[in-house]
Protein backbone atom coordinates (compact mmCIF):
# COMPACT_ATOMS: atom_id res chain seq x y z
CA MET A 1 34.17 -5.38 -25.57
CA LYS A 2 37.45 -7.32 -25.64
CA ARG A 3 39.00 -8.65 -22.51
CA SER A 4 42.48 -9.98 -21.91
CA SER A 5 44.41 -11.30 -18.99
CA THR A 6 48.06 -10.71 -18.18
CA THR A 7 50.27 -11.97 -15.42
CA SER A 8 53.14 -9.85 -14.18
CA LYS A 9 55.77 -10.30 -11.54
CA LYS A 10 56.52 -7.54 -9.12
CA GLY A 11 59.53 -7.58 -6.86
CA GLY A 12 61.67 -5.24 -4.88
CA VAL A 13 61.59 -3.07 -1.83
CA VAL A 14 58.41 -1.24 -0.94
CA GLU A 15 59.12 2.45 -0.59
CA ASN A 16 59.38 3.79 2.98
CA THR A 17 58.82 0.35 4.48
CA GLY A 18 61.88 -1.76 3.80
CA TYR A 19 59.77 -4.87 3.17
CA ILE A 20 60.72 -7.09 0.26
CA TYR A 21 57.97 -8.68 -1.77
CA ASN A 22 57.92 -11.01 -4.72
CA GLU A 23 54.47 -12.10 -5.91
CA GLU A 24 52.55 -12.80 -9.06
CA VAL A 25 49.59 -10.56 -9.74
CA SER A 26 46.95 -11.51 -12.32
CA ILE A 27 45.42 -8.48 -14.03
CA ASP A 28 42.32 -8.66 -16.21
CA TRP A 29 41.87 -5.93 -18.80
CA GLU A 30 38.84 -4.92 -20.82
CA LEU A 31 38.46 -2.70 -23.85
CA ARG A 32 35.62 -0.26 -23.34
CA PRO A 33 33.78 1.79 -25.99
CA GLY A 34 36.03 4.51 -27.34
CA GLY A 35 39.11 2.31 -27.31
CA MET A 36 39.93 2.83 -23.62
CA LEU A 37 41.80 -0.11 -22.09
CA VAL A 38 41.07 -0.32 -18.40
CA GLN A 39 41.54 -2.85 -15.65
CA LYS A 40 38.48 -5.04 -15.19
CA ARG A 41 36.71 -4.58 -11.88
CA GLY A 42 36.67 -7.74 -9.79
CA VAL A 43 33.57 -9.24 -8.24
CA GLY A 44 32.70 -7.34 -5.08
CA SER A 45 35.14 -4.51 -5.85
CA GLY A 46 32.63 -2.38 -7.76
CA SER A 47 31.29 -0.56 -4.74
CA ALA A 48 34.74 0.16 -3.37
CA ALA A 49 35.95 1.42 -6.72
CA ALA A 50 32.86 3.55 -7.18
CA THR A 51 33.08 5.24 -3.82
CA SER A 52 36.78 6.04 -4.18
CA GLY A 53 36.29 8.36 -7.17
CA PRO A 54 34.99 11.91 -7.50
CA MET A 55 31.36 12.72 -6.71
CA ILE A 56 28.91 14.17 -9.23
CA LYS A 57 25.47 15.71 -8.88
CA ILE A 58 22.71 14.42 -11.15
CA LYS A 59 19.41 16.20 -11.78
CA VAL A 60 16.59 13.65 -11.92
CA SER A 61 13.10 14.50 -13.18
CA HIS A 62 10.26 12.34 -11.89
CA GLY A 63 6.93 13.60 -13.16
CA SER A 64 6.36 16.99 -11.55
CA TYR A 65 9.11 16.32 -9.00
CA HIS A 66 12.81 17.09 -9.32
CA HIS A 67 15.60 15.49 -7.32
CA ASP A 68 19.27 16.45 -7.09
CA VAL A 69 21.24 13.39 -6.06
CA THR A 70 24.98 13.06 -5.49
CA VAL A 71 26.71 9.79 -6.36
CA PRO A 72 30.27 8.64 -7.14
CA ALA A 73 31.17 9.28 -10.78
CA GLN A 74 32.09 5.59 -11.23
CA SER A 75 28.64 4.38 -10.15
CA THR A 76 26.29 2.35 -12.31
CA PHE A 77 22.68 3.16 -13.11
CA GLY A 78 21.76 0.39 -10.67
CA ASP A 79 23.62 2.28 -7.94
CA LEU A 80 21.75 5.45 -8.89
CA LYS A 81 18.44 3.61 -8.56
CA LYS A 82 19.30 2.60 -5.00
CA VAL A 83 19.91 6.25 -4.10
CA LEU A 84 16.69 7.30 -5.82
CA ALA A 85 14.78 4.64 -3.87
CA LEU A 86 15.56 6.59 -0.70
CA GLU A 87 14.48 9.85 -2.33
CA THR A 88 11.27 8.68 -4.04
CA GLY A 89 10.17 5.54 -2.19
CA LEU A 90 10.21 3.59 -5.47
CA GLU A 91 11.95 0.24 -5.29
CA PRO A 92 14.86 -0.06 -7.76
CA LYS A 93 13.15 -2.90 -9.61
CA VAL A 94 10.21 -0.66 -10.61
CA GLN A 95 12.39 2.27 -11.71
CA ARG A 96 13.21 3.09 -15.33
CA LEU A 97 16.01 5.58 -15.97
CA LEU A 98 16.14 7.36 -19.30
CA LEU A 99 19.09 9.31 -20.65
CA ARG A 100 18.51 11.25 -23.86
CA GLY A 101 15.31 9.26 -24.42
CA LYS A 102 16.89 5.82 -24.03
CA GLU A 103 16.41 3.49 -21.09
CA LYS A 104 19.61 2.45 -19.36
CA ASP A 105 20.55 -0.96 -17.95
CA ASP A 106 21.46 -1.32 -14.29
CA GLU A 107 24.97 -2.59 -15.11
CA GLU A 108 25.90 0.34 -17.32
CA CYS A 109 28.33 2.83 -15.76
CA LEU A 110 27.30 6.46 -15.54
CA HIS A 111 30.55 7.87 -16.93
CA ILE A 112 30.53 5.44 -19.85
CA ALA A 113 27.03 6.61 -20.76
CA GLY A 114 28.24 10.21 -20.72
CA ILE A 115 26.84 11.23 -17.34
CA LYS A 116 28.71 14.22 -15.95
CA ASP A 117 28.17 16.67 -13.12
CA MET A 118 24.69 18.28 -13.39
CA SER A 119 23.58 15.85 -16.12
CA LYS A 120 19.84 15.31 -16.45
CA VAL A 121 18.12 11.93 -16.17
CA ILE A 122 14.43 11.08 -16.36
CA LEU A 123 12.91 8.64 -13.87
CA LEU A 124 9.78 6.71 -14.79
CA GLU A 125 7.85 4.16 -12.80
CA ASP A 126 7.25 0.80 -14.41
CA PRO A 127 3.67 0.85 -15.85
CA ALA A 128 2.83 -2.53 -14.30
CA SER A 129 3.85 -1.26 -10.87
CA LYS A 130 1.81 1.90 -11.31
CA GLU A 131 -1.21 -0.18 -12.31
CA ARG A 132 -0.84 -2.34 -9.19
CA LYS A 133 -0.69 0.78 -7.03
CA LEU A 134 -3.85 2.16 -8.62
CA GLU A 135 -5.68 -1.13 -8.04
CA GLU A 136 -4.53 -1.21 -4.42
CA MET A 137 -5.61 2.41 -3.95
CA LYS A 138 -9.05 1.65 -5.39
CA ARG A 139 -9.35 -1.41 -3.14
CA ASN A 140 -8.41 0.62 -0.07
CA GLN A 141 -10.87 3.35 -1.04
CA GLY A 142 -13.55 0.70 -1.49
CA ILE A 143 -12.87 -0.74 1.97
CA LEU A 144 -12.97 2.72 3.53
CA LYS A 145 -16.24 3.53 1.78
CA ALA A 146 -17.73 0.23 2.98
CA TYR A 147 -16.82 1.10 6.57
CA GLU A 148 -18.37 4.54 6.19
CA ASP A 149 -21.56 3.16 4.63
CA VAL A 150 -21.99 0.56 7.38
CA ALA A 151 -21.40 3.26 10.00
CA LYS A 152 -24.13 5.42 8.44
CA VAL A 153 -26.60 2.52 8.56
CA ARG A 154 -25.61 1.79 12.15
CA ALA A 155 -26.39 5.39 13.11
CA GLU A 156 -29.83 5.15 11.48
CA VAL A 157 -30.52 1.83 13.19
CA ASP A 158 -29.58 3.38 16.54
CA LYS A 159 -32.23 6.06 16.02
CA LEU A 160 -34.84 3.49 15.02
CA SER A 161 -33.96 1.33 18.02
CA ASP A 162 -35.06 4.17 20.33
CA LYS A 163 -38.49 4.02 18.71
CA VAL A 164 -38.65 0.28 19.23
CA VAL A 165 -37.83 0.73 22.91
CA ALA A 166 -40.56 3.38 23.13
CA LEU A 167 -43.07 0.97 21.62
CA GLU A 168 -42.00 -1.76 24.03
CA THR A 169 -42.50 0.57 26.98
CA ALA A 170 -45.95 1.52 25.74
CA VAL A 171 -46.99 -2.13 25.33
CA HIS A 172 -45.71 -3.00 28.80
CA ASN A 173 -47.73 -0.14 30.24
CA GLY A 174 -50.88 -1.40 28.52
CA THR A 175 -51.05 1.45 26.00
CA LYS A 176 -52.73 0.52 22.76
CA VAL A 177 -50.43 1.08 19.75
CA THR A 178 -51.89 1.28 16.24
CA ASP A 179 -50.76 -1.23 13.65
CA LYS A 180 -49.70 1.68 11.43
CA GLU A 181 -46.81 2.48 13.79
CA TYR A 182 -45.52 -1.07 13.54
CA VAL A 183 -45.80 -1.03 9.75
CA ILE A 184 -43.95 2.27 9.38
CA LEU A 185 -41.17 1.23 11.73
CA THR A 186 -40.84 -2.15 10.02
CA GLU A 187 -40.52 -0.46 6.61
CA LEU A 188 -37.83 1.86 7.94
CA PHE A 189 -35.81 -1.13 9.15
CA MET A 190 -36.28 -2.85 5.78
CA VAL A 191 -34.83 0.22 4.07
CA GLN A 192 -31.70 -0.16 6.20
CA LEU A 193 -31.47 -3.83 5.24
CA LEU A 194 -31.56 -2.84 1.57
CA LYS A 195 -28.78 -0.32 2.15
CA LEU A 196 -26.65 -2.97 3.82
CA ASP A 197 -27.30 -5.40 0.98
CA ALA A 198 -26.05 -2.81 -1.52
CA ILE A 199 -22.71 -2.32 0.29
CA GLU A 200 -19.79 -4.11 -1.39
CA ALA A 201 -17.42 -5.12 1.37
CA ASP A 202 -14.49 -7.45 1.97
CA GLY A 203 -12.58 -8.54 5.02
CA GLU A 204 -13.42 -6.82 8.30
CA ALA A 205 -15.87 -4.45 6.58
CA LYS A 206 -17.85 -7.49 5.44
CA VAL A 207 -17.92 -8.79 9.01
CA GLN A 208 -19.23 -5.44 10.27
CA ARG A 209 -21.95 -5.44 7.60
CA ARG A 210 -23.04 -8.95 8.60
CA ILE A 211 -23.24 -7.93 12.26
CA GLU A 212 -25.42 -4.96 11.38
CA VAL A 213 -27.69 -7.12 9.22
CA ARG A 214 -28.28 -9.47 12.16
CA ARG A 215 -28.92 -6.49 14.39
CA VAL A 216 -31.61 -5.12 12.07
CA GLN A 217 -33.20 -8.55 11.76
CA SER A 218 -33.34 -8.82 15.56
CA PHE A 219 -35.26 -5.54 15.74
CA LEU A 220 -37.68 -6.77 13.07
CA ASP A 221 -38.30 -9.93 15.11
CA ALA A 222 -38.83 -7.81 18.21
CA LEU A 223 -41.37 -5.66 16.36
CA ASP A 224 -43.31 -8.76 15.32
CA ASN A 225 -43.41 -9.93 18.96
CA LEU A 226 -44.52 -6.50 20.18
CA LYS A 227 -47.25 -6.34 17.58
CA ALA A 228 -48.56 -9.76 18.64
CA ARG A 229 -48.54 -8.79 22.31
CA ASN A 230 -50.23 -5.49 21.50
CA SER A 231 -53.04 -7.35 19.69
CA ASN A 232 -53.46 -9.82 22.58
CA PRO A 233 -52.76 -8.10 25.93
CA PHE A 234 -53.37 -11.37 27.80
CA SER A 235 -50.22 -12.84 26.21
CA HIS A 236 -48.14 -10.23 28.03
CA SER A 237 -46.15 -12.89 29.83
CA ILE A 238 -45.32 -14.69 26.60
CA ASN A 239 -42.20 -13.65 24.68
CA ALA A 240 -41.62 -10.90 27.23
CA VAL A 241 -37.91 -10.61 26.46
CA SER A 242 -36.71 -7.00 26.45
CA VAL A 243 -35.88 -5.60 23.02
CA THR A 244 -32.85 -3.84 24.42
CA SER A 245 -31.36 -6.98 25.99
CA LYS A 246 -32.14 -9.01 22.90
CA CYS A 247 -30.20 -6.70 20.63
CA GLU A 248 -27.22 -6.03 22.89
CA THR A 249 -25.39 -9.08 21.56
CA PHE A 250 -25.16 -7.45 18.14
CA ASP A 251 -23.64 -4.15 19.31
């Protein structure tokens, strides 16, 4: 593309105004493909020049979606990307625009590339961006699953805690409880600990898992104390801390 610069003097009376002017105007020219000699657009004048021309409608295919966007005919592919960002939510920097199977640069003008009214363009998302989105989606799904898994364990622990309270009440009332009941309840709590250990969690989900682990461990300690008191009724006054109050700090 050849460019040249000319300087011309203009002078005379402006029509319908009566004002006289005499100034030098520097004009830059550029030779575009096809042999067309046009005035070079100045820095910052592109948008004004683009919006002053006729408007064209472009049909854009994006996967299974289709968008009809209207832009000035003098726009660039970069301008088109900005409009498509509002339509698709894709940032211009992750967009790839293809015309007749070839990717177009942001600086290239639509009309120079042969874009006319109702022309078709294909929009693709940059593969690296798509990969990052998939990784983020998987991470979010993993966090959500961790929350759900911890919540399931918490619900099971709540049910088991009622049984611990029932055992505590029985021991306080002097009722003899078989060792088998302590063993079964202890094993059920251990199962919940194993479930918590298997949960992969990060961030807040990891904090919630840790809290639930401590809560289960507190119930296991309470069961050990109840079993010892049940075996030796005379030690009733020793370690007589309520199971419920002991575990409230973990809720």
